[in-house]
Amino acid sequence: MIEVFVTVNYKDRKYHTNVIVEKEMTWDYIKRIAEEQVKKQWNS
């Protein structure tokens, strides 16, 4: 497992989040997880 720091654009703002994934994960999958995390945080 590795920790990846990602910048996500959400509602015209940039948010930094970290994602813990396995080394074999593709960038598209990591990006999708990060976007979902930011959306969950702001919709809670």
N, C-alpha and C. Protein backbone atom coordinates (compact mmCIF):
# COMPACT_ATOMS: atom_id res chain seq x y z
N MET A 1 0.84 -1.18 0.00
CA MET A 1 0.00 0.00 0.00
C MET A 1 0.89 1.24 0.00
N ILE A 2 0.44 2.25 -0.73
CA ILE A 2 1.15 3.52 -0.76
C ILE A 2 0.16 4.66 -0.55
N GLU A 3 0.67 5.78 -0.11
CA GLU A 3 -0.15 6.97 0.08
C GLU A 3 0.17 7.93 -1.05
N VAL A 4 -0.88 8.39 -1.73
CA VAL A 4 -0.73 9.30 -2.86
C VAL A 4 -1.48 10.58 -2.54
N PHE A 5 -0.84 11.73 -2.77
CA PHE A 5 -1.48 13.02 -2.57
C PHE A 5 -1.99 13.51 -3.92
N VAL A 6 -3.27 13.92 -3.95
CA VAL A 6 -3.92 14.29 -5.20
C VAL A 6 -4.60 15.64 -5.04
N THR A 7 -4.54 16.46 -6.08
CA THR A 7 -5.28 17.71 -6.12
C THR A 7 -6.51 17.48 -6.99
N VAL A 8 -7.68 17.82 -6.45
CA VAL A 8 -8.95 17.57 -7.14
C VAL A 8 -9.66 18.90 -7.34
N ASN A 9 -10.19 19.12 -8.54
CA ASN A 9 -11.04 20.28 -8.79
C ASN A 9 -12.49 19.89 -8.50
N TYR A 10 -13.13 20.66 -7.63
CA TYR A 10 -14.53 20.39 -7.30
C TYR A 10 -15.23 21.72 -7.07
N LYS A 11 -16.27 21.95 -7.84
CA LYS A 11 -17.03 23.20 -7.78
C LYS A 11 -16.11 24.41 -7.93
N ASP A 12 -15.26 24.35 -8.96
CA ASP A 12 -14.33 25.43 -9.32
C ASP A 12 -13.33 25.78 -8.22
N ARG A 13 -13.04 24.84 -7.33
CA ARG A 13 -12.03 25.05 -6.30
C ARG A 13 -11.10 23.84 -6.29
N LYS A 14 -9.88 24.03 -5.83
CA LYS A 14 -8.91 22.94 -5.77
C LYS A 14 -8.82 22.44 -4.33
N TYR A 15 -8.85 21.13 -4.18
CA TYR A 15 -8.74 20.50 -2.87
C TYR A 15 -7.63 19.46 -2.91
N HIS A 16 -6.87 19.39 -1.83
CA HIS A 16 -5.82 18.39 -1.71
C HIS A 16 -6.33 17.28 -0.82
N THR A 17 -6.13 16.05 -1.27
CA THR A 17 -6.55 14.89 -0.48
C THR A 17 -5.50 13.80 -0.64
N ASN A 18 -5.49 12.88 0.29
CA ASN A 18 -4.58 11.75 0.16
C ASN A 18 -5.39 10.48 0.02
N VAL A 19 -4.84 9.54 -0.73
CA VAL A 19 -5.51 8.27 -1.01
C VAL A 19 -4.51 7.16 -0.72
N ILE A 20 -4.94 6.15 -0.02
CA ILE A 20 -4.09 5.00 0.24
C ILE A 20 -4.54 3.88 -0.69
N VAL A 21 -3.64 3.48 -1.58
CA VAL A 21 -3.97 2.49 -2.61
C VAL A 21 -2.84 1.48 -2.73
N GLU A 22 -3.09 0.45 -3.50
CA GLU A 22 -2.05 -0.53 -3.79
C GLU A 22 -1.21 -0.02 -4.96
N LYS A 23 0.03 -0.43 -5.01
CA LYS A 23 0.97 0.06 -6.02
C LYS A 23 0.50 -0.19 -7.44
N GLU A 24 -0.27 -1.24 -7.65
CA GLU A 24 -0.68 -1.63 -9.00
C GLU A 24 -1.84 -0.81 -9.55
N MET A 25 -2.44 0.05 -8.74
CA MET A 25 -3.61 0.82 -9.17
C MET A 25 -3.23 1.82 -10.26
N THR A 26 -4.13 2.01 -11.21
CA THR A 26 -3.89 2.96 -12.30
C THR A 26 -4.19 4.37 -11.81
N TRP A 27 -3.61 5.35 -12.51
CA TRP A 27 -3.82 6.75 -12.14
C TRP A 27 -5.31 7.12 -12.25
N ASP A 28 -6.02 6.60 -13.25
CA ASP A 28 -7.44 6.90 -13.41
C ASP A 28 -8.23 6.43 -12.19
N TYR A 29 -7.92 5.26 -11.69
CA TYR A 29 -8.61 4.72 -10.52
C TYR A 29 -8.31 5.55 -9.27
N ILE A 30 -7.05 5.92 -9.10
CA ILE A 30 -6.66 6.75 -7.95
C ILE A 30 -7.37 8.09 -7.99
N LYS A 31 -7.41 8.69 -9.17
CA LYS A 31 -8.07 9.99 -9.34
C LYS A 31 -9.56 9.89 -9.02
N ARG A 32 -10.19 8.82 -9.45
CA ARG A 32 -11.61 8.62 -9.19
C ARG A 32 -11.88 8.49 -7.70
N ILE A 33 -11.05 7.74 -6.99
CA ILE A 33 -11.19 7.58 -5.55
C ILE A 33 -11.05 8.94 -4.85
N ALA A 34 -10.06 9.73 -5.27
CA ALA A 34 -9.84 11.04 -4.67
C ALA A 34 -11.03 11.96 -4.89
N GLU A 35 -11.58 11.95 -6.10
CA GLU A 35 -12.76 12.78 -6.39
C GLU A 35 -13.95 12.36 -5.53
N GLU A 36 -14.15 11.06 -5.36
CA GLU A 36 -15.25 10.58 -4.54
C GLU A 36 -15.08 11.00 -3.08
N GLN A 37 -13.84 10.96 -2.58
CA GLN A 37 -13.57 11.38 -1.21
C GLN A 37 -13.94 12.84 -1.00
N VAL A 38 -13.54 13.70 -1.94
CA VAL A 38 -13.84 15.13 -1.80
C VAL A 38 -15.35 15.36 -1.87
N LYS A 39 -16.02 14.70 -2.78
CA LYS A 39 -17.48 14.86 -2.90
C LYS A 39 -18.18 14.41 -1.62
N LYS A 40 -17.77 13.29 -1.05
CA LYS A 40 -18.38 12.80 0.19
C LYS A 40 -18.17 13.79 1.33
N GLN A 41 -16.98 14.37 1.38
CA GLN A 41 -16.68 15.32 2.46
C GLN A 41 -17.60 16.54 2.37
N TRP A 42 -17.83 17.06 1.19
CA TRP A 42 -18.63 18.27 1.04
C TRP A 42 -20.13 18.00 1.00
N ASN A 43 -20.54 16.78 0.79
CA ASN A 43 -21.97 16.45 0.78
C ASN A 43 -22.45 15.93 2.13
N SER A 44 -21.55 15.83 3.09
CA SER A 44 -21.94 15.34 4.42
C SER A 44 -22.44 16.47 5.28
